[in-house]
Amino acid sequence: MSQSITNGHAPDTSRRHTRVLIIGSGLSGLGTAVRLSQEGYTDFLVIERGDDVGGTWRVNTYPGAGCDVPSQLYSYSFALNPEWSRSFSPQPEIQRYIQGIADRYGVRDKHIFDCAMTGARWNDVDSRWEVDTTRGGFTADVVVSAAGVLAEPNLPDIKGIHTFEGEIFHSAQWDHDADLSGKRVAVIGTGASAVQIVPAIAPQVAHLDVYQRTAAWVFPHLTRGYLAPERFAFKHVPGLQRLIRGLIYANRELFVVTQAKYPATARLLEVIARVKLWSEVRDPALRKRLTPTFRAGCKRLLVSNKFYPALTRDNVDLVTDGIEEIRGSSIVSNDGTEREVDAIVLCTGFHVADSPTYSMFAGRDGRTLLEEFETDGLQAYKGTTVAGFPNAFTMLGANSGLNYTSLIYVIESQIAYVIDALATMEKQGLRTFEVRQEVQDEYNRALRRKMARGVWLTGGCTSWFLDRHGNNPVLWPDFSFRLRQLLRKFDVENYETTKHAATQGDPSTVAAQAGQSTNGSGVHAPAGHESA
């Protein structure tokens, strides 16, 4: 694409220009790259701070790592995988699948690896994004942020943590050179990664202390290995795998009833979890400490058949007193007990609502996403665009997350929105698009009305789903197919747009407020926000 001189200002030719720049190559970024390629787009690049595709599945290589979403849902719809070995896939299989997608669809040559973004700002004069990275500068007409929601480890603020004398690492930064065999180990946290790590390392360590701040609801893990005839049928019987995938999808959608629609029905889930706890933990005192005091679904639902049995081992202790400090080579709990440890594993989650990437994006008026979110919390339009940030898409943005089924379903829905937006830009000759602030505000008001009755706000817990304002900016509070319906078509009528100059070198731009239907008060009515 030629770089024209606009308003007397020459674009920075020292930067590499591309039509679309994708930031990150996890499932979102890679999927976007593949779909762009399939639609005939060639002028795009993917920058990835790691040395390969995969995102969270490239990084999270801790013992026992695997997916808690059924394998049949954990693949792109355009590339079903008949080779899954189990009904719930382990991390190495998922990573191989993702790598295979990059190879099969020929998009590796569109990647620049070991290239971390350090900043991105909107240039209003040239109507393009300027992106700084560890491997030079880029400009792009459109930016797709696919940096991921589970990308930045959350390290706990514990007194003395930086002076610990032994080995210490986060679950997402597992030190494979650290041999935990025969050592005294502490695991801090009992979330989704901990329920996989604890059973994996408990048999090999001398002693394991598991520090629990809040008990979680743990459900049976319905995992099993696929038989050879099943894999043969998935591969050779037309439509079979897609049928099974559809049935599993429909079954997972039922969780919306207990979480978003009628939280009181979560008691039915709790009966299952309580029976599991009673059957696997016979010690009444330990069982009491492992029993949550909030509604199931208020925090992330966990699945494991091995976690409770691991906690009953002779060499494992559950510690429910808070941590006062880390002193030398020991952890001191709030009751004054000091426990010597050789290594600490931090299972303390990720920065989600406060992702560090938000401070890297500066929009039209120079304000960063982080500054935008300081006032009212994390907000977006359809989880994908943000007012004040033209020509930008955020994959898995505010209120697009799911905690009961595959995020790939949302990712593909957003990719369809991105593709249709690019097609709309070409068809209408648009230079810029930016969601109207009033549209975004009304969309989020509707979201919060729906969220108010969900278990995440009424279930009696605090969780990483909630921000400091007490809002849930992470999850989508409805059936996932309704979010897909909202993202099926790029609703340009809800965006402020400008068109390319009619002739080369003409500095003027033409406001193109397409589809200006009003609600009677002169304010443009957001299309479809009532379904949010």
Protein backbone atom coordinates (compact mmCIF):
# COMPACT_ATOMS: atom_id res chain seq x y z
CA MET A 1 0.00 0.00 0.00
CA SER A 2 1.38 3.42 -0.91
CA GLN A 3 2.11 5.87 1.86
CA SER A 4 0.53 9.18 0.95
CA ILE A 5 1.24 12.60 2.40
CA THR A 6 -1.73 13.70 4.49
CA ASN A 7 -2.35 17.28 5.73
CA GLY A 8 1.19 18.16 4.77
CA HIS A 9 2.60 15.54 7.10
CA ALA A 10 4.82 12.78 5.72
CA PRO A 11 4.21 9.39 7.35
CA ASP A 12 7.16 7.86 9.18
CA THR A 13 8.76 5.70 6.50
CA SER A 14 11.25 4.25 8.99
CA ARG A 15 8.45 2.00 10.23
CA ARG A 16 7.29 -1.11 8.42
CA HIS A 17 3.71 -0.63 7.27
CA THR A 18 1.00 -3.24 6.99
CA ARG A 19 -2.73 -3.07 6.43
CA VAL A 20 -3.56 -5.21 9.49
CA LEU A 21 -1.24 -5.83 12.44
CA ILE A 22 -2.16 -8.68 14.80
CA ILE A 23 -0.57 -8.57 18.24
CA GLY A 24 -0.09 -12.04 19.70
CA SER A 25 -0.35 -15.51 18.22
CA GLY A 26 -2.39 -17.55 20.62
CA LEU A 27 -5.70 -19.00 19.54
CA SER A 28 -7.12 -15.51 18.84
CA GLY A 29 -4.24 -14.11 16.85
CA LEU A 30 -3.52 -17.28 14.92
CA GLY A 31 -7.20 -17.81 14.11
CA THR A 32 -7.44 -14.24 12.82
CA ALA A 33 -4.37 -14.74 10.64
CA VAL A 34 -5.78 -17.94 9.15
CA ARG A 35 -9.16 -16.40 8.39
CA LEU A 36 -7.57 -13.32 6.81
CA SER A 37 -5.54 -15.62 4.59
CA GLN A 38 -8.61 -17.64 3.68
CA GLU A 39 -10.45 -14.45 2.72
CA GLY A 40 -7.64 -13.45 0.38
CA TYR A 41 -5.94 -10.82 2.53
CA THR A 42 -2.17 -10.78 2.14
CA ASP A 43 -1.18 -7.43 3.66
CA PHE A 44 -1.07 -8.41 7.32
CA LEU A 45 1.51 -9.34 9.95
CA VAL A 46 1.47 -11.08 13.33
CA ILE A 47 3.93 -10.02 16.02
CA GLU A 48 4.49 -12.51 18.84
CA ARG A 49 6.71 -12.00 21.86
CA GLY A 50 7.41 -15.73 22.17
CA ASP A 51 9.36 -18.01 19.88
CA ASP A 52 6.34 -19.91 18.54
CA VAL A 53 2.57 -19.83 18.19
CA GLY A 54 0.35 -21.11 20.99
CA GLY A 55 -0.09 -18.31 23.50
CA THR A 56 -1.10 -19.66 26.88
CA TRP A 57 -0.64 -23.24 25.67
CA ARG A 58 2.93 -22.47 24.66
CA VAL A 59 3.70 -20.91 28.03
CA ASN A 60 1.82 -23.08 30.55
CA THR A 61 3.88 -26.25 30.64
CA TYR A 62 3.55 -27.08 34.33
CA PRO A 63 3.09 -30.71 35.45
CA GLY A 64 -0.46 -31.89 34.85
CA ALA A 65 -1.38 -28.98 32.57
CA GLY A 66 -4.48 -29.64 30.51
CA CYS A 67 -7.79 -28.22 29.34
CA ASP A 68 -10.95 -28.30 31.46
CA VAL A 69 -13.11 -27.85 28.35
CA PRO A 70 -14.00 -30.98 26.32
CA SER A 71 -11.55 -31.69 23.51
CA GLN A 72 -14.30 -31.72 20.88
CA LEU A 73 -14.97 -28.05 21.58
CA TYR A 74 -11.33 -27.08 21.81
CA SER A 75 -10.54 -26.69 18.14
CA TYR A 76 -11.39 -24.26 15.39
CA SER A 77 -14.64 -25.06 13.62
CA PHE A 78 -12.78 -25.04 10.28
CA ALA A 79 -10.17 -27.52 11.56
CA LEU A 80 -11.71 -30.18 13.77
CA ASN A 81 -9.15 -32.56 15.23
CA PRO A 82 -9.99 -36.28 15.04
CA GLU A 83 -6.68 -37.15 16.69
CA TRP A 84 -7.43 -36.07 20.27
CA SER A 85 -6.30 -38.86 22.57
CA ARG A 86 -8.65 -37.96 25.41
CA SER A 87 -12.01 -36.34 26.03
CA PHE A 88 -10.11 -33.53 27.83
CA SER A 89 -6.78 -32.80 26.18
CA PRO A 90 -3.40 -32.37 27.88
CA GLN A 91 -1.30 -29.30 27.15
CA PRO A 92 1.25 -30.92 24.81
CA GLU A 93 -1.54 -32.14 22.49
CA ILE A 94 -3.19 -28.74 22.37
CA GLN A 95 0.10 -27.04 21.59
CA ARG A 96 0.83 -29.53 18.80
CA TYR A 97 -2.64 -28.89 17.37
CA ILE A 98 -2.05 -25.11 17.36
CA GLN A 99 1.37 -25.52 15.75
CA GLY A 100 -0.18 -27.79 13.14
CA ILE A 101 -2.76 -25.12 12.28
CA ALA A 102 0.00 -22.56 11.64
CA ASP A 103 1.76 -25.02 9.34
CA ARG A 104 -1.30 -26.39 7.55
CA TYR A 105 -2.70 -22.96 6.69
CA GLY A 106 0.67 -21.48 5.75
CA VAL A 107 0.68 -18.40 7.97
CA ARG A 108 4.03 -18.82 9.71
CA ASP A 109 5.66 -16.56 7.16
CA LYS A 110 3.31 -13.82 8.33
CA HIS A 111 4.73 -14.04 11.86
CA ILE A 112 7.56 -12.12 13.47
CA PHE A 113 8.56 -14.07 16.57
CA ASP A 114 10.50 -12.82 19.61
CA CYS A 115 8.86 -9.47 18.92
CA ALA A 116 7.22 -7.92 21.99
CA MET A 117 5.05 -4.84 21.71
CA THR A 118 6.21 -2.02 23.96
CA GLY A 119 3.68 0.62 22.96
CA ALA A 120 0.95 1.52 20.47
CA ARG A 121 -0.53 4.94 19.76
CA TRP A 122 -3.08 6.25 17.31
CA ASN A 123 -1.76 8.84 14.83
CA ASP A 124 -4.79 10.98 14.06
CA VAL A 125 -3.03 12.86 11.27
CA ASP A 126 -2.19 9.76 9.27
CA SER A 127 -5.17 7.74 10.56
CA ARG A 128 -3.06 4.76 11.46
CA TRP A 129 -1.53 3.01 14.43
CA GLU A 130 2.15 3.38 15.32
CA VAL A 131 3.41 0.34 17.18
CA ASP A 132 6.75 0.07 18.95
CA THR A 133 8.29 -3.36 19.51
CA THR A 134 11.54 -4.93 20.60
CA ARG A 135 12.24 -5.51 16.91
CA GLY A 136 11.54 -2.08 15.51
CA GLY A 137 8.55 0.07 14.67
CA PHE A 138 5.43 -0.67 12.66
CA THR A 139 2.47 1.25 11.34
CA ALA A 140 -0.89 -0.30 10.57
CA ASP A 141 -4.24 0.86 9.27
CA VAL A 142 -5.98 -1.61 11.58
CA VAL A 143 -4.73 -3.26 14.77
CA VAL A 144 -6.06 -6.50 16.26
CA SER A 145 -4.98 -6.93 19.86
CA ALA A 146 -4.83 -10.66 20.57
CA ALA A 147 -2.51 -10.36 23.55
CA GLY A 148 -4.65 -12.76 25.58
CA VAL A 149 -6.47 -12.59 28.91
CA LEU A 150 -4.26 -15.14 30.69
CA ALA A 151 -0.96 -13.69 29.57
CA GLU A 152 0.47 -11.74 32.50
CA PRO A 153 1.06 -13.71 35.74
CA ASN A 154 -0.26 -12.11 38.90
CA LEU A 155 2.48 -12.23 41.53
CA PRO A 156 1.20 -11.88 45.11
CA ASP A 157 2.25 -8.94 47.25
CA ILE A 158 3.69 -10.91 50.15
CA LYS A 159 6.24 -9.39 52.50
CA GLY A 160 9.65 -10.93 51.89
CA ILE A 161 8.71 -12.74 48.67
CA HIS A 162 11.63 -11.21 46.77
CA THR A 163 14.14 -12.37 49.37
CA PHE A 164 13.09 -16.02 49.49
CA GLU A 165 16.23 -18.14 49.58
CA GLY A 166 14.89 -21.13 47.66
CA GLU A 167 13.37 -21.68 44.23
CA ILE A 168 10.23 -19.72 43.46
CA PHE A 169 8.23 -19.47 40.23
CA HIS A 170 4.72 -18.91 38.90
CA SER A 171 2.76 -21.78 37.37
CA ALA A 172 2.90 -19.99 34.00
CA GLN A 173 6.67 -19.63 34.28
CA TRP A 174 7.49 -23.18 35.36
CA ASP A 175 11.17 -23.77 35.97
CA HIS A 176 11.83 -27.14 34.35
CA ASP A 177 15.41 -27.08 35.65
CA ALA A 178 14.08 -27.13 39.21
CA ASP A 179 13.96 -30.68 40.56
CA LEU A 180 11.31 -30.82 43.28
CA SER A 181 11.94 -34.46 44.12
CA GLY A 182 12.50 -34.99 47.83
CA LYS A 183 12.06 -31.28 48.63
CA ARG A 184 9.71 -29.34 50.90
CA VAL A 185 7.42 -27.44 48.56
CA ALA A 186 4.68 -24.87 49.06
CA VAL A 187 1.91 -24.24 46.55
CA ILE A 188 0.19 -20.89 47.06
CA GLY A 189 -3.32 -20.92 45.66
CA THR A 190 -5.99 -23.53 44.99
CA GLY A 191 -7.37 -22.42 41.62
CA ALA A 192 -7.48 -24.07 38.22
CA SER A 193 -3.72 -24.56 37.85
CA ALA A 194 -3.23 -25.71 41.45
CA VAL A 195 -5.77 -28.53 41.17
CA GLN A 196 -3.65 -29.89 38.32
CA ILE A 197 -0.21 -29.21 39.81
CA VAL A 198 -0.80 -30.50 43.35
CA PRO A 199 -1.69 -34.09 42.33
CA ALA A 200 1.16 -34.10 39.79
CA ILE A 201 3.93 -33.19 42.25
CA ALA A 202 2.60 -34.54 45.56
CA PRO A 203 3.99 -38.10 45.05
CA GLN A 204 7.51 -36.88 44.32
CA VAL A 205 8.09 -34.20 46.96
CA ALA A 206 9.11 -34.85 50.56
CA HIS A 207 6.39 -32.57 51.90
CA LEU A 208 3.83 -30.27 50.32
CA ASP A 209 2.03 -27.35 51.96
CA VAL A 210 -0.98 -26.13 49.99
CA TYR A 211 -2.01 -22.60 50.96
CA GLN A 212 -5.73 -22.02 50.43
CA ARG A 213 -7.29 -18.59 50.79
CA THR A 214 -10.80 -19.66 49.78
CA ALA A 215 -12.19 -23.15 49.23
CA ALA A 216 -13.41 -23.85 45.70
CA TRP A 217 -16.15 -26.04 44.28
CA VAL A 218 -14.50 -29.05 42.67
CA PHE A 219 -16.49 -31.32 40.35
CA PRO A 220 -15.82 -34.74 38.83
CA HIS A 221 -13.56 -34.65 35.81
CA LEU A 222 -15.28 -36.69 33.11
CA THR A 223 -12.07 -37.44 31.28
CA ARG A 224 -11.21 -40.67 29.54
CA GLY A 225 -9.03 -41.88 26.73
CA TYR A 226 -10.56 -42.24 23.28
CA LEU A 227 -10.52 -45.75 21.87
CA ALA A 228 -8.95 -46.43 18.49
CA PRO A 229 -12.37 -47.19 16.90
CA GLU A 230 -13.66 -43.82 18.13
CA ARG A 231 -10.76 -41.93 16.58
CA PHE A 232 -11.21 -43.93 13.38
CA ALA A 233 -14.89 -42.97 13.29
CA PHE A 234 -14.11 -39.28 13.97
CA LYS A 235 -11.78 -39.35 11.00
CA HIS A 236 -13.78 -41.34 8.48
CA VAL A 237 -17.51 -41.06 9.30
CA PRO A 238 -18.77 -37.84 7.69
CA GLY A 239 -20.36 -35.43 10.13
CA LEU A 240 -19.91 -37.64 13.21
CA GLN A 241 -17.38 -35.47 15.00
CA ARG A 242 -19.31 -32.31 14.19
CA LEU A 243 -22.50 -33.91 15.55
CA ILE A 244 -20.82 -34.90 18.81
CA ARG A 245 -19.27 -31.46 19.06
CA GLY A 246 -22.73 -29.89 18.69
CA LEU A 247 -24.23 -32.11 21.38
CA ILE A 248 -21.42 -31.29 23.80
CA TYR A 249 -21.79 -27.58 23.02
CA ALA A 250 -25.53 -27.69 23.78
CA ASN A 251 -24.90 -29.53 27.04
CA ARG A 252 -22.35 -26.94 28.20
CA GLU A 253 -24.78 -24.10 27.46
CA LEU A 254 -27.01 -25.45 30.23
CA PHE A 255 -24.54 -23.99 32.73
CA VAL A 256 -25.84 -20.55 31.75
CA VAL A 257 -29.08 -21.38 33.57
CA THR A 258 -27.32 -21.95 36.89
CA GLN A 259 -24.88 -19.06 36.54
CA ALA A 260 -26.63 -16.23 34.72
CA LYS A 261 -30.35 -16.92 34.61
CA TYR A 262 -31.40 -18.67 37.83
CA PRO A 263 -28.46 -18.78 40.28
CA ALA A 264 -30.56 -20.54 42.92
CA THR A 265 -30.45 -23.66 40.75
CA ALA A 266 -26.69 -23.81 41.41
CA ARG A 267 -27.61 -25.76 44.54
CA LEU A 268 -28.12 -28.75 42.28
CA LEU A 269 -24.49 -28.51 41.21
CA GLU A 270 -23.42 -28.11 44.81
CA VAL A 271 -25.03 -31.42 45.72
CA ILE A 272 -22.79 -33.15 43.17
CA ALA A 273 -19.70 -31.38 44.50
CA ARG A 274 -20.58 -32.12 48.13
CA VAL A 275 -21.05 -35.82 47.43
CA LYS A 276 -17.69 -35.87 45.67
CA LEU A 277 -16.02 -34.10 48.59
CA TRP A 278 -17.62 -36.43 51.15
CA SER A 279 -16.58 -39.56 49.24
CA GLU A 280 -12.98 -38.47 48.68
CA VAL A 281 -12.19 -36.71 51.97
CA ARG A 282 -13.19 -38.75 54.99
CA ASP A 283 -11.62 -36.48 57.62
CA PRO A 284 -14.48 -34.19 58.81
CA ALA A 285 -12.13 -31.37 59.85
CA LEU A 286 -10.35 -31.32 56.48
CA ARG A 287 -13.64 -31.65 54.66
CA LYS A 288 -15.01 -28.62 56.48
CA ARG A 289 -12.05 -26.50 55.42
CA LEU A 290 -12.56 -27.60 51.82
CA THR A 291 -16.27 -26.70 51.76
CA PRO A 292 -17.02 -23.37 50.05
CA THR A 293 -19.37 -20.86 51.63
CA PHE A 294 -20.56 -19.33 48.35
CA ARG A 295 -22.76 -20.41 45.45
CA ALA A 296 -21.25 -22.70 42.84
CA GLY A 297 -20.19 -20.64 39.84
CA CYS A 298 -19.46 -17.49 41.81
CA LYS A 299 -15.81 -18.38 41.29
CA ARG A 300 -14.48 -20.51 38.46
CA LEU A 301 -15.79 -24.08 38.58
CA LEU A 302 -12.93 -26.56 38.95
CA VAL A 303 -12.75 -30.16 37.79
CA SER A 304 -10.40 -32.83 39.13
CA ASN A 305 -10.51 -36.44 40.23
CA LYS A 306 -7.10 -36.23 41.86
CA PHE A 307 -7.01 -33.01 43.87
CA TYR A 308 -8.91 -34.14 46.98
CA PRO A 309 -7.09 -37.50 47.18
CA ALA A 310 -3.77 -35.63 46.95
CA LEU A 311 -4.73 -33.46 49.91
CA THR A 312 -5.32 -36.56 52.02
CA ARG A 313 -1.78 -37.86 51.51
CA ASP A 314 0.43 -38.11 54.60
CA ASN A 315 3.00 -35.75 53.07
CA VAL A 316 0.47 -33.01 52.21
CA ASP A 317 -0.95 -30.33 54.51
CA LEU A 318 -3.71 -27.87 53.69
CA VAL A 319 -2.98 -24.47 55.23
CA THR A 320 -5.94 -22.13 55.50
CA ASP A 321 -4.35 -19.41 57.63
CA GLY A 322 -3.29 -16.42 55.59
CA ILE A 323 0.36 -15.74 54.84
CA GLU A 324 1.99 -13.07 57.02
CA GLU A 325 5.39 -13.06 55.35
CA ILE A 326 8.14 -15.07 53.72
CA ARG A 327 11.18 -15.15 55.96
CA GLY A 328 14.42 -16.54 54.58
CA SER A 329 13.54 -20.10 53.63
CA SER A 330 10.21 -20.33 55.40
CA ILE A 331 6.62 -19.12 55.14
CA VAL A 332 5.05 -17.54 58.21
CA SER A 333 1.27 -17.75 58.42
CA ASN A 334 -1.00 -15.32 60.25
CA ASP A 335 -1.19 -17.55 63.31
CA GLY A 336 2.59 -17.32 63.71
CA THR A 337 3.40 -20.81 62.45
CA GLU A 338 6.64 -20.93 60.48
CA ARG A 339 7.01 -23.67 57.85
CA GLU A 340 10.35 -24.38 56.23
CA VAL A 341 10.24 -24.84 52.43
CA ASP A 342 12.80 -25.38 49.68
CA ALA A 343 10.60 -24.21 46.81
CA ILE A 344 7.45 -22.15 46.27
CA VAL A 345 5.03 -22.54 43.37
CA LEU A 346 2.75 -19.54 42.84
CA CYS A 347 -0.68 -20.54 41.53
CA THR A 348 -1.99 -17.02 41.89
CA GLY A 349 -3.61 -16.43 38.52
CA PHE A 350 -3.22 -13.61 36.04
CA HIS A 351 -3.82 -9.92 35.53
CA VAL A 352 -7.15 -9.94 33.71
CA ALA A 353 -9.15 -6.77 34.41
CA ASP A 354 -5.87 -4.90 34.90
CA SER A 355 -3.77 -6.34 32.09
CA PRO A 356 -0.44 -4.51 31.64
CA THR A 357 -1.17 -4.29 27.91
CA TYR A 358 -3.85 -1.69 28.68
CA SER A 359 -1.16 0.83 29.57
CA MET A 360 0.51 0.29 26.18
CA PHE A 361 -2.41 1.40 23.96
CA ALA A 362 -2.96 5.14 23.59
CA GLY A 363 -6.04 6.19 21.65
CA ARG A 364 -7.29 9.24 19.81
CA ASP A 365 -6.75 11.76 22.63
CA GLY A 366 -3.57 10.16 23.95
CA ARG A 367 -5.31 8.44 26.84
CA THR A 368 -4.39 4.81 27.35
CA LEU A 369 -6.87 2.00 27.75
CA LEU A 370 -5.79 1.81 31.39
CA GLU A 371 -6.68 5.46 31.91
CA GLU A 372 -10.02 4.97 30.14
CA PHE A 373 -10.86 2.10 32.45
CA GLU A 374 -9.84 3.91 35.64
CA THR A 375 -13.15 5.76 35.89
CA ASP A 376 -15.83 3.22 35.07
CA GLY A 377 -13.87 -0.01 34.83
CA LEU A 378 -13.15 -2.21 31.86
CA GLN A 379 -15.71 -1.64 29.09
CA ALA A 380 -15.99 -2.40 25.41
CA TYR A 381 -18.63 -2.70 22.69
CA LYS A 382 -19.50 -6.32 21.99
CA GLY A 383 -16.26 -7.22 23.71
CA THR A 384 -14.39 -6.18 20.60
CA THR A 385 -14.10 -2.39 20.05
CA VAL A 386 -13.62 0.56 22.41
CA ALA A 387 -14.70 4.18 22.00
CA GLY A 388 -11.72 6.48 21.53
CA PHE A 389 -9.63 3.76 19.88
CA PRO A 390 -10.28 3.89 16.13
CA ASN A 391 -9.48 1.03 13.77
CA ALA A 392 -8.74 -1.32 16.65
CA PHE A 393 -10.17 -4.65 17.73
CA THR A 394 -9.59 -6.35 21.06
CA MET A 395 -9.98 -10.11 21.00
CA LEU A 396 -11.59 -11.50 24.15
CA GLY A 397 -12.15 -7.96 25.38
CA ALA A 398 -14.45 -6.82 28.17
CA ASN A 399 -17.38 -9.15 28.93
CA SER A 400 -16.61 -11.66 26.22
CA GLY A 401 -15.22 -14.41 28.46
CA LEU A 402 -16.89 -17.74 29.21
CA ASN A 403 -16.18 -19.96 32.20
CA TYR A 404 -18.18 -23.01 31.19
CA THR A 405 -17.34 -23.71 27.55
CA SER A 406 -14.71 -23.13 24.88
CA LEU A 407 -13.47 -19.59 24.31
CA ILE A 408 -12.71 -20.60 20.74
CA TYR A 409 -16.43 -20.17 20.05
CA VAL A 410 -16.19 -16.50 21.08
CA ILE A 411 -12.89 -16.06 19.26
CA GLU A 412 -14.36 -17.26 15.97
CA SER A 413 -17.39 -15.01 16.49
CA GLN A 414 -15.11 -12.01 16.95
CA ILE A 415 -13.00 -12.98 13.95
CA ALA A 416 -16.16 -12.96 11.81
CA TYR A 417 -16.86 -9.42 13.08
CA VAL A 418 -13.32 -8.32 12.20
CA ILE A 419 -13.51 -9.83 8.71
CA ASP A 420 -16.86 -8.17 8.02
CA ALA A 421 -15.53 -4.85 9.31
CA LEU A 422 -12.59 -5.00 6.89
CA ALA A 423 -14.94 -5.89 4.03
CA THR A 424 -17.18 -2.96 5.00
CA MET A 425 -14.20 -0.60 5.02
CA GLU A 426 -13.29 -1.66 1.49
CA LYS A 427 -16.84 -1.58 0.18
CA GLN A 428 -17.65 1.87 1.57
CA GLY A 429 -14.17 3.35 1.15
CA LEU A 430 -13.79 3.93 4.87
CA ARG A 431 -10.55 5.20 6.28
CA THR A 432 -11.49 5.00 9.96
CA PHE A 433 -14.18 3.60 12.20
CA GLU A 434 -14.76 4.20 15.91
CA VAL A 435 -17.65 2.99 18.01
CA ARG A 436 -19.77 5.87 19.30
CA GLN A 437 -19.43 6.53 23.00
CA GLU A 438 -23.20 6.63 23.56
CA VAL A 439 -23.57 3.29 21.81
CA GLN A 440 -20.89 1.70 23.99
CA ASP A 441 -22.41 3.22 27.15
CA GLU A 442 -25.90 1.91 26.44
CA TYR A 443 -24.53 -1.51 25.50
CA ASN A 444 -22.72 -1.73 28.83
CA ARG A 445 -25.73 -0.53 30.80
CA ALA A 446 -27.71 -3.38 29.27
CA LEU A 447 -24.90 -5.81 30.10
CA ARG A 448 -24.81 -4.77 33.73
CA ARG A 449 -28.56 -5.13 34.07
CA LYS A 450 -28.16 -8.74 32.96
CA MET A 451 -25.08 -9.28 35.10
CA ALA A 452 -26.83 -8.04 38.23
CA ARG A 453 -28.83 -11.24 38.64
CA GLY A 454 -25.96 -13.59 37.87
CA VAL A 455 -24.20 -15.75 40.43
CA TRP A 456 -20.96 -13.78 40.01
CA LEU A 457 -22.48 -10.77 41.82
CA THR A 458 -25.06 -12.52 44.00
CA GLY A 459 -23.22 -15.69 44.97
CA GLY A 460 -21.40 -14.35 48.01
CA CYS A 461 -17.78 -14.34 46.87
CA THR A 462 -15.03 -12.14 45.54
CA SER A 463 -13.14 -13.42 42.54
CA TRP A 464 -10.81 -12.41 39.73
CA PHE A 465 -13.95 -11.96 37.64
CA LEU A 466 -14.62 -8.71 39.56
CA ASP A 467 -12.78 -5.41 39.29
CA ARG A 468 -12.19 -2.84 42.01
CA HIS A 469 -15.52 -1.20 41.13
CA GLY A 470 -17.37 -4.41 42.00
CA ASN A 471 -18.32 -5.02 38.36
CA ASN A 472 -17.72 -8.18 36.38
CA PRO A 473 -15.91 -7.00 33.23
CA VAL A 474 -14.73 -10.48 32.29
CA LEU A 475 -17.69 -12.75 31.57
CA TRP A 476 -20.53 -12.75 29.08
CA PRO A 477 -23.80 -13.05 31.08
CA ASP A 478 -25.87 -15.03 28.59
CA PHE A 479 -25.84 -17.95 26.18
CA SER A 480 -22.77 -17.85 23.96
CA PHE A 481 -24.82 -18.13 20.77
CA ARG A 482 -26.40 -14.77 21.60
CA LEU A 483 -23.00 -13.14 21.62
CA ARG A 484 -22.32 -14.78 18.27
CA GLN A 485 -25.54 -13.29 16.92
CA LEU A 486 -24.38 -9.81 17.97
CA LEU A 487 -21.04 -10.32 16.23
CA ARG A 488 -22.37 -11.89 13.05
CA LYS A 489 -22.28 -8.61 11.09
CA PHE A 490 -20.26 -5.43 11.51
CA ASP A 491 -22.88 -2.81 12.42
CA VAL A 492 -21.24 0.22 10.83
CA GLU A 493 -24.27 2.36 11.70
CA ASN A 494 -23.07 2.36 15.32
CA TYR A 495 -19.66 3.74 14.40
CA GLU A 496 -18.31 7.18 13.57
CA THR A 497 -16.50 6.78 10.25
CA THR A 498 -14.42 8.81 7.83
CA LYS A 499 -13.87 8.06 4.18
CA HIS A 500 -10.73 8.13 2.11
CA ALA A 501 -10.15 11.33 0.20
CA ALA A 502 -11.89 11.32 -3.17
CA THR A 503 -8.61 12.00 -4.98
CA GLN A 504 -5.00 11.18 -4.16
CA GLY A 505 -3.40 13.94 -2.12
CA ASP A 506 -6.71 15.63 -1.20
CA PRO A 507 -6.31 16.32 2.55
CA SER A 508 -10.01 16.46 3.21
CA THR A 509 -11.98 13.61 4.71
CA VAL A 510 -15.68 13.01 4.39
CA ALA A 511 -17.73 12.07 7.41
CA ALA A 512 -19.67 8.94 6.60
CA GLN A 513 -22.24 8.35 9.24
CA ALA A 514 -23.80 5.34 7.61
CA GLY A 515 -27.29 4.19 8.49
CA GLN A 516 -28.27 7.19 10.59
CA SER A 517 -31.43 5.86 12.13
CA THR A 518 -32.27 7.74 15.29
CA ASN A 519 -34.31 6.90 18.34
CA GLY A 520 -36.39 10.05 18.09
CA SER A 521 -34.14 12.17 20.28
CA GLY A 522 -31.43 12.62 17.71
CA VAL A 523 -29.21 10.02 19.38
CA HIS A 524 -28.34 7.04 17.22
CA ALA A 525 -29.90 3.88 18.65
CA PRO A 526 -27.35 1.12 19.19
CA ALA A 527 -28.19 -1.82 16.97
CA GLY A 528 -28.87 -4.97 18.89
CA HIS A 529 -27.81 -3.68 22.30
CA GLU A 530 -31.05 -4.94 23.77
CA SER A 531 -29.72 -8.47 23.21
CA ALA A 532 -26.54 -7.81 25.17
